[in-house]
C-alpha cells in the first residue's frame, strides 16, 4: 500500500478542444449552432471542455488514465465515488466516454484508488495505486468542482449564463 499523502489535482485544457478558444461555437444535440444558455448538461459531459487531468493520490499518479476527458464528467465521477464510499467500501465508476474503470475503496478513514482496463480475457488492473485520508479525498472533490468551473468561466465567460453551470456554481454538487 502506498503511503497516504495529500492528493493533488489540476486541469489543463486539451489542445485540440475548440471549446476553450475564441473560435468555439456551441452546438446543440442536433449539432446545430446554439446559444450557450441553451446547452444541456450532456454538452458539458460529452462534448466540451476536455482537459488533461493531473491527479496524484499518495504515490500513485493517475494522469495518464485521464487524458482528454470532459472536465465536468471527471469531477462528477469523483463526487459519485465520494457519495458511494459514505455507505459502501467499494465504488467502481467509469467516465462517460471510455470503458476504463476507476476503483475507489474505503477502509476506515483511508480512500484508495486503482484503475483497470478491459482485455479479451476480462479486466486488468494498472499497477498504479494510491491512498489518502477520507478527509483529504473529500477536500479534493470539493476543490475539483470549484477548479473546473473557474477554468471554464475564465476561458468562456458567457458560460456563466448557462443554467446548468450557474446552478453548479451556486449550489455545488446538489445541482448535479
N, C-alpha and C. Protein backbone atom coordinates (compact mmCIF):
# COMPACT_ATOMS: atom_id res chain seq x y z
N UNK A 1 0.85 -1.18 0.00
CA UNK A 1 0.00 0.00 0.00
C UNK A 1 0.89 1.23 0.00
N UNK A 2 0.56 2.22 -0.82
CA UNK A 2 1.35 3.43 -0.88
C UNK A 2 1.08 4.29 0.35
N UNK A 3 2.04 5.11 0.69
CA UNK A 3 1.93 5.98 1.85
C UNK A 3 0.90 7.07 1.60
N UNK A 4 -0.05 7.27 2.53
CA UNK A 4 -1.03 8.34 2.33
C UNK A 4 -0.35 9.70 2.38
N UNK A 5 -0.57 10.50 1.36
CA UNK A 5 -0.10 11.88 1.33
C UNK A 5 -1.22 12.72 0.76
N UNK A 6 -1.06 14.02 0.88
CA UNK A 6 -2.08 14.93 0.38
C UNK A 6 -2.22 14.77 -1.13
N UNK A 7 -3.44 14.51 -1.59
CA UNK A 7 -3.63 14.35 -3.04
C UNK A 7 -3.55 15.70 -3.76
N UNK A 8 -3.22 15.64 -5.03
CA UNK A 8 -3.18 16.86 -5.85
C UNK A 8 -3.95 16.63 -7.14
N UNK A 9 -4.53 17.71 -7.62
CA UNK A 9 -5.37 17.65 -8.82
C UNK A 9 -5.25 18.96 -9.57
N UNK A 10 -5.06 18.87 -10.87
CA UNK A 10 -5.10 20.07 -11.71
C UNK A 10 -5.61 19.69 -13.09
N UNK A 11 -6.11 20.70 -13.79
CA UNK A 11 -6.68 20.52 -15.12
C UNK A 11 -5.96 21.42 -16.11
N UNK A 12 -5.60 20.85 -17.26
CA UNK A 12 -5.00 21.62 -18.36
C UNK A 12 -5.89 21.41 -19.58
N UNK A 13 -6.41 22.49 -20.16
CA UNK A 13 -7.26 22.33 -21.34
C UNK A 13 -6.57 21.52 -22.43
N UNK A 14 -7.29 20.56 -23.00
CA UNK A 14 -6.76 19.76 -24.10
C UNK A 14 -6.59 20.65 -25.33
N UNK A 15 -5.46 20.56 -25.96
CA UNK A 15 -5.14 21.47 -27.06
C UNK A 15 -6.07 21.35 -28.25
N UNK A 16 -6.63 20.19 -28.51
CA UNK A 16 -7.49 20.02 -29.67
C UNK A 16 -8.95 20.39 -29.44
N UNK A 17 -9.31 20.80 -28.24
CA UNK A 17 -10.70 21.10 -27.91
C UNK A 17 -11.00 22.58 -28.15
N UNK A 18 -11.79 22.85 -29.16
CA UNK A 18 -12.09 24.24 -29.54
C UNK A 18 -12.95 24.97 -28.52
N UNK A 19 -13.61 24.24 -27.61
CA UNK A 19 -14.47 24.92 -26.65
C UNK A 19 -13.68 25.83 -25.70
N UNK A 20 -12.37 25.65 -25.64
CA UNK A 20 -11.55 26.51 -24.79
C UNK A 20 -11.17 27.82 -25.48
N UNK A 21 -11.34 27.92 -26.78
CA UNK A 21 -10.82 29.07 -27.50
C UNK A 21 -11.88 30.01 -28.02
N UNK A 22 -11.44 31.11 -28.59
CA UNK A 22 -12.37 32.14 -29.08
C UNK A 22 -13.19 31.68 -30.28
N UNK A 23 -12.76 30.63 -30.97
CA UNK A 23 -13.48 30.16 -32.16
C UNK A 23 -14.63 29.21 -31.81
N UNK A 24 -14.84 28.95 -30.53
CA UNK A 24 -15.86 27.99 -30.11
C UNK A 24 -17.26 28.44 -30.52
N UNK A 25 -17.99 27.53 -31.16
CA UNK A 25 -19.40 27.72 -31.49
C UNK A 25 -20.16 26.61 -30.78
N UNK A 26 -20.93 26.94 -29.73
CA UNK A 26 -21.69 25.90 -29.04
C UNK A 26 -22.67 25.21 -29.98
N UNK A 27 -22.77 23.89 -29.86
CA UNK A 27 -23.66 23.10 -30.71
C UNK A 27 -24.69 22.39 -29.84
N UNK A 28 -25.94 22.33 -30.35
CA UNK A 28 -26.99 21.63 -29.62
C UNK A 28 -26.91 20.13 -29.90
N UNK A 29 -27.87 19.37 -29.42
CA UNK A 29 -27.84 17.91 -29.58
C UNK A 29 -27.94 17.47 -31.04
N UNK A 30 -28.43 18.36 -31.92
CA UNK A 30 -28.53 18.07 -33.34
C UNK A 30 -27.32 18.59 -34.12
N UNK A 31 -26.30 19.04 -33.36
CA UNK A 31 -25.05 19.57 -33.91
C UNK A 31 -25.27 20.87 -34.67
N UNK A 32 -26.28 21.62 -34.25
CA UNK A 32 -26.57 22.94 -34.83
C UNK A 32 -26.07 24.01 -33.87
N UNK A 33 -25.57 25.14 -34.40
CA UNK A 33 -25.14 26.23 -33.51
C UNK A 33 -26.29 26.70 -32.62
N UNK A 34 -25.94 26.99 -31.37
CA UNK A 34 -26.94 27.44 -30.40
C UNK A 34 -26.30 28.39 -29.42
N UNK A 35 -27.15 29.07 -28.66
CA UNK A 35 -26.65 29.96 -27.61
C UNK A 35 -26.15 29.11 -26.45
N UNK A 36 -25.12 29.59 -25.77
CA UNK A 36 -24.54 28.85 -24.65
C UNK A 36 -25.59 28.61 -23.56
N UNK A 37 -26.55 29.51 -23.44
CA UNK A 37 -27.60 29.35 -22.43
C UNK A 37 -28.49 28.14 -22.72
N UNK A 38 -28.51 27.70 -23.95
CA UNK A 38 -29.38 26.57 -24.36
C UNK A 38 -28.69 25.22 -24.26
N UNK A 39 -27.42 25.20 -23.97
CA UNK A 39 -26.71 23.92 -23.92
C UNK A 39 -27.20 23.08 -22.73
N UNK A 40 -27.50 21.81 -22.98
CA UNK A 40 -27.93 20.94 -21.88
C UNK A 40 -26.73 20.41 -21.10
N UNK A 41 -27.00 19.77 -19.99
CA UNK A 41 -25.96 19.17 -19.16
C UNK A 41 -25.07 18.24 -19.99
N UNK A 42 -25.67 17.47 -20.87
CA UNK A 42 -24.91 16.49 -21.66
C UNK A 42 -23.79 17.14 -22.49
N UNK A 43 -24.00 18.38 -22.90
CA UNK A 43 -22.97 19.07 -23.69
C UNK A 43 -21.69 19.26 -22.90
N UNK A 44 -21.81 19.30 -21.58
CA UNK A 44 -20.63 19.50 -20.73
C UNK A 44 -20.04 18.18 -20.24
N UNK A 45 -20.75 17.10 -20.45
CA UNK A 45 -20.25 15.79 -20.02
C UNK A 45 -19.67 14.98 -21.17
N UNK A 46 -20.07 15.31 -22.41
CA UNK A 46 -19.63 14.54 -23.57
C UNK A 46 -18.79 15.31 -24.56
N UNK A 47 -19.08 16.59 -24.76
CA UNK A 47 -18.52 17.26 -25.93
C UNK A 47 -17.56 18.41 -25.66
N UNK A 48 -17.70 19.10 -24.57
CA UNK A 48 -16.99 20.37 -24.40
C UNK A 48 -16.10 20.39 -23.15
N UNK A 49 -15.09 21.20 -23.23
CA UNK A 49 -14.19 21.48 -22.12
C UNK A 49 -13.43 20.23 -21.66
N UNK A 50 -12.74 19.65 -22.64
CA UNK A 50 -11.89 18.49 -22.35
C UNK A 50 -10.56 18.97 -21.77
N UNK A 51 -10.08 18.21 -20.82
CA UNK A 51 -8.83 18.55 -20.14
C UNK A 51 -7.94 17.32 -20.04
N UNK A 52 -6.69 17.59 -19.80
CA UNK A 52 -5.76 16.55 -19.38
C UNK A 52 -5.66 16.72 -17.86
N UNK A 53 -6.02 15.68 -17.15
CA UNK A 53 -6.07 15.73 -15.69
C UNK A 53 -4.74 15.30 -15.12
N UNK A 54 -4.26 16.05 -14.17
CA UNK A 54 -3.10 15.64 -13.38
C UNK A 54 -3.64 15.28 -12.00
N UNK A 55 -3.63 13.99 -11.68
CA UNK A 55 -4.17 13.51 -10.40
C UNK A 55 -3.14 12.62 -9.73
N UNK A 56 -2.75 13.03 -8.53
CA UNK A 56 -1.85 12.22 -7.70
C UNK A 56 -2.54 11.96 -6.38
N UNK A 57 -2.62 10.69 -6.03
CA UNK A 57 -3.14 10.28 -4.73
C UNK A 57 -2.08 9.38 -4.12
N UNK A 58 -1.55 9.80 -2.99
CA UNK A 58 -0.44 9.07 -2.40
C UNK A 58 0.71 9.04 -3.37
N UNK A 59 1.29 7.88 -3.58
CA UNK A 59 2.39 7.77 -4.55
C UNK A 59 1.89 7.41 -5.94
N UNK A 60 0.57 7.35 -6.11
CA UNK A 60 0.01 6.99 -7.41
C UNK A 60 -0.28 8.20 -8.28
N UNK A 61 0.19 8.15 -9.51
CA UNK A 61 -0.07 9.20 -10.50
C UNK A 61 -1.04 8.63 -11.53
N UNK A 62 -2.26 9.18 -11.54
CA UNK A 62 -3.33 8.67 -12.40
C UNK A 62 -3.54 9.54 -13.64
N UNK A 63 -2.61 10.40 -13.93
CA UNK A 63 -2.76 11.38 -15.02
C UNK A 63 -2.91 10.72 -16.38
N UNK A 64 -2.18 9.66 -16.66
CA UNK A 64 -2.26 9.03 -17.98
C UNK A 64 -3.62 8.41 -18.25
N UNK A 65 -4.34 8.08 -17.19
CA UNK A 65 -5.65 7.46 -17.34
C UNK A 65 -6.74 8.49 -17.60
N UNK A 66 -6.41 9.76 -17.43
CA UNK A 66 -7.43 10.81 -17.57
C UNK A 66 -6.98 11.90 -18.54
N UNK A 67 -6.59 11.49 -19.73
CA UNK A 67 -6.20 12.44 -20.76
C UNK A 67 -7.40 12.75 -21.66
N UNK A 68 -7.56 13.99 -22.00
CA UNK A 68 -8.62 14.46 -22.90
C UNK A 68 -10.00 13.97 -22.47
N UNK A 69 -10.36 14.31 -21.24
CA UNK A 69 -11.67 13.96 -20.68
C UNK A 69 -12.44 15.25 -20.39
N UNK A 70 -13.75 15.22 -20.56
CA UNK A 70 -14.56 16.40 -20.23
C UNK A 70 -14.42 16.66 -18.73
N UNK A 71 -14.02 17.87 -18.39
CA UNK A 71 -13.67 18.19 -17.02
C UNK A 71 -14.83 17.95 -16.05
N UNK A 72 -16.05 18.30 -16.44
CA UNK A 72 -17.17 18.08 -15.53
C UNK A 72 -17.51 16.61 -15.39
N UNK A 73 -17.32 15.83 -16.41
CA UNK A 73 -17.53 14.39 -16.31
C UNK A 73 -16.57 13.81 -15.26
N UNK A 74 -15.33 14.24 -15.30
CA UNK A 74 -14.34 13.76 -14.35
C UNK A 74 -14.69 14.16 -12.92
N UNK A 75 -15.06 15.42 -12.75
CA UNK A 75 -15.42 15.92 -11.43
C UNK A 75 -16.64 15.18 -10.87
N UNK A 76 -17.64 14.95 -11.71
CA UNK A 76 -18.84 14.24 -11.25
C UNK A 76 -18.54 12.79 -10.92
N UNK A 77 -17.55 12.19 -11.60
CA UNK A 77 -17.14 10.84 -11.24
C UNK A 77 -16.54 10.84 -9.84
N UNK A 78 -15.70 11.84 -9.54
CA UNK A 78 -15.12 11.93 -8.20
C UNK A 78 -16.21 12.08 -7.14
N UNK A 79 -17.21 12.90 -7.43
CA UNK A 79 -18.31 13.09 -6.50
C UNK A 79 -19.09 11.80 -6.30
N UNK A 80 -19.34 11.07 -7.37
CA UNK A 80 -20.05 9.80 -7.26
C UNK A 80 -19.27 8.82 -6.38
N UNK A 81 -17.96 8.82 -6.51
CA UNK A 81 -17.13 7.96 -5.66
C UNK A 81 -17.27 8.38 -4.20
N UNK A 82 -17.19 9.67 -3.94
CA UNK A 82 -17.30 10.16 -2.57
C UNK A 82 -18.64 9.77 -1.94
N UNK A 83 -19.72 9.97 -2.67
CA UNK A 83 -21.05 9.64 -2.14
C UNK A 83 -21.17 8.14 -1.90
N UNK A 84 -20.73 7.33 -2.84
CA UNK A 84 -20.82 5.88 -2.70
C UNK A 84 -20.00 5.39 -1.51
N UNK A 85 -18.81 5.95 -1.33
CA UNK A 85 -17.93 5.49 -0.26
C UNK A 85 -18.43 5.89 1.13
N UNK A 86 -19.42 6.73 1.21
CA UNK A 86 -20.01 7.04 2.52
C UNK A 86 -20.77 5.84 3.08
N UNK A 87 -21.24 4.96 2.17
CA UNK A 87 -22.07 3.83 2.59
C UNK A 87 -21.51 2.47 2.18
N UNK A 88 -20.57 2.47 1.26
CA UNK A 88 -20.00 1.22 0.72
C UNK A 88 -18.48 1.27 0.86
N UNK A 89 -17.87 0.12 0.77
CA UNK A 89 -16.40 0.06 0.82
C UNK A 89 -15.78 0.14 -0.57
N UNK A 90 -16.60 -0.01 -1.62
CA UNK A 90 -16.09 -0.03 -2.99
C UNK A 90 -17.01 0.79 -3.90
N UNK A 91 -16.39 1.61 -4.74
CA UNK A 91 -17.11 2.36 -5.77
C UNK A 91 -16.36 2.14 -7.08
N UNK A 92 -17.00 1.49 -8.04
CA UNK A 92 -16.39 1.24 -9.34
C UNK A 92 -17.14 2.09 -10.35
N UNK A 93 -16.41 3.03 -10.97
CA UNK A 93 -17.04 4.02 -11.84
C UNK A 93 -16.28 4.13 -13.16
N UNK A 94 -17.00 4.64 -14.16
CA UNK A 94 -16.40 4.89 -15.48
C UNK A 94 -16.65 6.34 -15.86
N UNK A 95 -15.78 6.86 -16.69
CA UNK A 95 -16.05 8.14 -17.34
C UNK A 95 -17.01 7.89 -18.49
N UNK A 96 -17.75 8.90 -18.89
CA UNK A 96 -18.80 8.71 -19.89
C UNK A 96 -18.29 8.25 -21.25
N UNK A 97 -17.07 8.61 -21.59
CA UNK A 97 -16.60 8.35 -22.96
C UNK A 97 -15.56 7.25 -23.08
N UNK A 98 -15.39 6.43 -22.04
CA UNK A 98 -14.40 5.34 -22.12
C UNK A 98 -14.76 4.20 -21.19
N UNK A 99 -14.19 3.05 -21.45
CA UNK A 99 -14.53 1.85 -20.70
C UNK A 99 -13.70 1.64 -19.45
N UNK A 100 -12.57 2.27 -19.32
CA UNK A 100 -11.73 2.05 -18.14
C UNK A 100 -12.53 2.25 -16.87
N UNK A 101 -12.23 1.47 -15.86
CA UNK A 101 -12.91 1.59 -14.58
C UNK A 101 -11.98 2.19 -13.53
N UNK A 102 -12.55 3.05 -12.73
CA UNK A 102 -11.86 3.67 -11.60
C UNK A 102 -12.41 2.98 -10.35
N UNK A 103 -11.55 2.31 -9.63
CA UNK A 103 -11.96 1.52 -8.47
C UNK A 103 -11.50 2.24 -7.19
N UNK A 104 -12.46 2.86 -6.53
CA UNK A 104 -12.21 3.57 -5.28
C UNK A 104 -12.58 2.64 -4.13
N UNK A 105 -11.76 2.61 -3.10
CA UNK A 105 -12.05 1.80 -1.92
C UNK A 105 -11.98 2.68 -0.68
N UNK A 106 -12.67 2.23 0.35
CA UNK A 106 -12.58 2.93 1.62
C UNK A 106 -12.42 1.89 2.72
N UNK A 107 -11.41 2.08 3.52
CA UNK A 107 -11.15 1.23 4.65
C UNK A 107 -10.94 2.15 5.85
N UNK A 108 -11.94 2.16 6.74
CA UNK A 108 -11.90 3.09 7.87
C UNK A 108 -11.84 4.52 7.33
N UNK A 109 -10.73 5.19 7.57
CA UNK A 109 -10.60 6.58 7.13
C UNK A 109 -9.60 6.75 6.00
N UNK A 110 -9.39 5.69 5.23
CA UNK A 110 -8.43 5.71 4.13
C UNK A 110 -9.14 5.40 2.82
N UNK A 111 -8.94 6.26 1.82
CA UNK A 111 -9.51 6.05 0.49
C UNK A 111 -8.38 5.60 -0.44
N UNK A 112 -8.66 4.56 -1.21
CA UNK A 112 -7.68 4.05 -2.17
C UNK A 112 -8.22 4.15 -3.59
N UNK A 113 -7.31 4.15 -4.55
CA UNK A 113 -7.70 4.22 -5.95
C UNK A 113 -6.79 3.35 -6.78
N UNK A 114 -7.41 2.58 -7.67
CA UNK A 114 -6.74 1.83 -8.73
C UNK A 114 -7.61 1.96 -9.96
N UNK A 115 -7.02 1.79 -11.12
CA UNK A 115 -7.80 1.78 -12.36
C UNK A 115 -7.57 0.44 -13.06
N UNK A 116 -8.58 0.06 -13.83
CA UNK A 116 -8.44 -1.16 -14.61
C UNK A 116 -9.01 -0.95 -16.00
N UNK A 117 -8.61 -1.82 -16.90
CA UNK A 117 -8.97 -1.71 -18.30
C UNK A 117 -9.48 -3.05 -18.81
N UNK A 118 -10.30 -2.98 -19.84
CA UNK A 118 -10.88 -4.20 -20.42
C UNK A 118 -9.85 -4.89 -21.31
N UNK A 119 -9.81 -6.21 -21.19
CA UNK A 119 -8.99 -7.04 -22.07
C UNK A 119 -9.89 -8.13 -22.65
N UNK A 120 -9.38 -8.91 -23.55
CA UNK A 120 -10.17 -10.02 -24.10
C UNK A 120 -10.49 -11.06 -23.04
N UNK A 121 -9.63 -11.15 -22.06
CA UNK A 121 -9.81 -12.15 -21.00
C UNK A 121 -10.60 -11.62 -19.81
N UNK A 122 -10.94 -10.36 -19.80
CA UNK A 122 -11.64 -9.75 -18.65
C UNK A 122 -11.07 -8.39 -18.33
N UNK A 123 -10.78 -8.16 -17.07
CA UNK A 123 -10.26 -6.86 -16.63
C UNK A 123 -8.83 -7.00 -16.13
N UNK A 124 -8.02 -5.99 -16.44
CA UNK A 124 -6.66 -5.96 -15.94
C UNK A 124 -6.42 -4.69 -15.15
N UNK A 125 -5.85 -4.81 -13.97
CA UNK A 125 -5.54 -3.63 -13.17
C UNK A 125 -4.23 -3.01 -13.64
N UNK A 126 -4.20 -1.70 -13.69
CA UNK A 126 -2.94 -1.00 -13.92
C UNK A 126 -2.13 -1.06 -12.62
N UNK A 127 -0.82 -0.96 -12.71
CA UNK A 127 0.00 -1.10 -11.50
C UNK A 127 -0.10 0.09 -10.54
N UNK A 128 -0.58 1.22 -11.00
CA UNK A 128 -0.64 2.40 -10.15
C UNK A 128 -1.71 2.25 -9.08
N UNK A 129 -1.33 2.58 -7.84
CA UNK A 129 -2.25 2.54 -6.72
C UNK A 129 -1.91 3.70 -5.80
N UNK A 130 -2.94 4.32 -5.23
CA UNK A 130 -2.70 5.44 -4.33
C UNK A 130 -3.71 5.46 -3.20
N UNK A 131 -3.32 6.08 -2.09
CA UNK A 131 -4.18 6.19 -0.92
C UNK A 131 -4.05 7.57 -0.29
N UNK A 132 -5.14 8.04 0.29
CA UNK A 132 -5.13 9.29 1.05
C UNK A 132 -6.22 9.18 2.11
N UNK A 133 -6.22 10.11 3.04
CA UNK A 133 -7.25 10.07 4.06
C UNK A 133 -8.59 10.43 3.44
N UNK A 134 -9.66 9.95 4.04
CA UNK A 134 -11.01 10.26 3.54
C UNK A 134 -11.25 11.77 3.59
N UNK A 135 -10.78 12.42 4.62
CA UNK A 135 -10.92 13.88 4.74
C UNK A 135 -10.23 14.60 3.57
N UNK A 136 -9.04 14.15 3.23
CA UNK A 136 -8.32 14.76 2.11
C UNK A 136 -9.03 14.47 0.78
N UNK A 137 -9.59 13.29 0.64
CA UNK A 137 -10.33 12.97 -0.59
C UNK A 137 -11.56 13.87 -0.71
N UNK A 138 -12.29 14.04 0.39
CA UNK A 138 -13.45 14.94 0.38
C UNK A 138 -13.05 16.35 -0.04
N UNK A 139 -11.96 16.83 0.49
CA UNK A 139 -11.47 18.16 0.15
C UNK A 139 -11.10 18.24 -1.33
N UNK A 140 -10.45 17.21 -1.84
CA UNK A 140 -10.08 17.15 -3.25
C UNK A 140 -11.31 17.24 -4.14
N UNK A 141 -12.36 16.52 -3.78
CA UNK A 141 -13.58 16.53 -4.58
C UNK A 141 -14.21 17.93 -4.58
N UNK A 142 -14.27 18.57 -3.44
CA UNK A 142 -14.83 19.93 -3.37
C UNK A 142 -14.01 20.90 -4.21
N UNK A 143 -12.70 20.82 -4.10
CA UNK A 143 -11.82 21.70 -4.88
C UNK A 143 -11.95 21.44 -6.38
N UNK A 144 -12.22 20.17 -6.74
CA UNK A 144 -12.30 19.81 -8.15
C UNK A 144 -13.42 20.56 -8.86
N UNK A 145 -14.58 20.67 -8.23
CA UNK A 145 -15.70 21.38 -8.85
C UNK A 145 -15.40 22.86 -8.97
N UNK A 146 -14.90 23.45 -7.91
CA UNK A 146 -14.55 24.88 -7.96
C UNK A 146 -13.50 25.15 -9.04
N UNK A 147 -12.50 24.28 -9.11
CA UNK A 147 -11.43 24.47 -10.09
C UNK A 147 -11.93 24.30 -11.52
N UNK A 148 -12.77 23.32 -11.75
CA UNK A 148 -13.31 23.09 -13.09
C UNK A 148 -14.15 24.27 -13.55
N UNK A 149 -15.04 24.74 -12.69
CA UNK A 149 -15.89 25.88 -13.07
C UNK A 149 -15.08 27.15 -13.26
N UNK A 150 -14.10 27.38 -12.40
CA UNK A 150 -13.25 28.57 -12.55
C UNK A 150 -12.53 28.55 -13.89
N UNK A 151 -12.04 27.39 -14.29
CA UNK A 151 -11.34 27.27 -15.56
C UNK A 151 -12.29 27.52 -16.73
N UNK A 152 -13.46 26.91 -16.71
CA UNK A 152 -14.44 27.11 -17.78
C UNK A 152 -14.84 28.58 -17.86
N UNK A 153 -15.19 29.18 -16.73
CA UNK A 153 -15.65 30.58 -16.72
C UNK A 153 -14.54 31.55 -17.14
N UNK A 154 -13.30 31.22 -16.82
CA UNK A 154 -12.20 32.12 -17.20
C UNK A 154 -11.94 32.08 -18.70
N UNK A 155 -12.15 30.93 -19.33
CA UNK A 155 -11.91 30.80 -20.77
C UNK A 155 -13.12 31.16 -21.61
N UNK A 156 -14.32 30.93 -21.06
CA UNK A 156 -15.57 31.23 -21.78
C UNK A 156 -16.54 31.90 -20.81
N UNK A 157 -16.37 33.21 -20.56
CA UNK A 157 -17.22 33.91 -19.58
C UNK A 157 -18.72 33.78 -19.86
N UNK A 158 -19.11 33.63 -21.11
CA UNK A 158 -20.54 33.51 -21.44
C UNK A 158 -21.17 32.27 -20.83
N UNK A 159 -20.35 31.27 -20.48
CA UNK A 159 -20.90 30.05 -19.89
C UNK A 159 -21.52 30.29 -18.52
N UNK A 160 -21.20 31.42 -17.90
CA UNK A 160 -21.83 31.75 -16.60
C UNK A 160 -23.35 31.88 -16.75
N UNK A 161 -23.81 32.16 -17.97
CA UNK A 161 -25.24 32.32 -18.21
C UNK A 161 -25.96 30.99 -18.48
N UNK A 162 -25.21 29.91 -18.58
CA UNK A 162 -25.84 28.61 -18.80
C UNK A 162 -26.49 28.16 -17.49
N UNK A 163 -27.77 27.80 -17.50
CA UNK A 163 -28.46 27.42 -16.26
C UNK A 163 -27.80 26.27 -15.50
N UNK A 164 -27.35 25.25 -16.21
CA UNK A 164 -26.72 24.12 -15.54
C UNK A 164 -25.43 24.54 -14.86
N UNK A 165 -24.56 25.25 -15.57
CA UNK A 165 -23.29 25.68 -14.97
C UNK A 165 -23.52 26.68 -13.85
N UNK A 166 -24.49 27.56 -14.04
CA UNK A 166 -24.82 28.53 -12.99
C UNK A 166 -25.28 27.80 -11.72
N UNK A 167 -26.12 26.79 -11.88
CA UNK A 167 -26.59 26.02 -10.73
C UNK A 167 -25.43 25.31 -10.03
N UNK A 168 -24.51 24.75 -10.80
CA UNK A 168 -23.34 24.11 -10.19
C UNK A 168 -22.51 25.12 -9.41
N UNK A 169 -22.37 26.32 -9.97
CA UNK A 169 -21.57 27.35 -9.32
C UNK A 169 -22.22 27.86 -8.04
N UNK A 170 -23.54 27.91 -8.00
CA UNK A 170 -24.21 28.45 -6.83
C UNK A 170 -24.61 27.38 -5.82
N UNK A 171 -24.95 26.19 -6.27
CA UNK A 171 -25.43 25.14 -5.36
C UNK A 171 -24.46 23.97 -5.22
N UNK A 172 -23.37 23.98 -5.96
CA UNK A 172 -22.42 22.90 -5.86
C UNK A 172 -22.98 21.59 -6.41
N UNK A 173 -22.54 20.50 -5.85
CA UNK A 173 -22.94 19.18 -6.35
C UNK A 173 -24.42 18.91 -6.21
N UNK A 174 -25.12 19.65 -5.36
CA UNK A 174 -26.56 19.47 -5.23
C UNK A 174 -27.28 19.73 -6.55
N UNK A 175 -26.68 20.55 -7.42
CA UNK A 175 -27.29 20.89 -8.71
C UNK A 175 -27.04 19.79 -9.75
N UNK A 176 -26.10 18.92 -9.47
CA UNK A 176 -25.76 17.88 -10.45
C UNK A 176 -26.86 16.84 -10.48
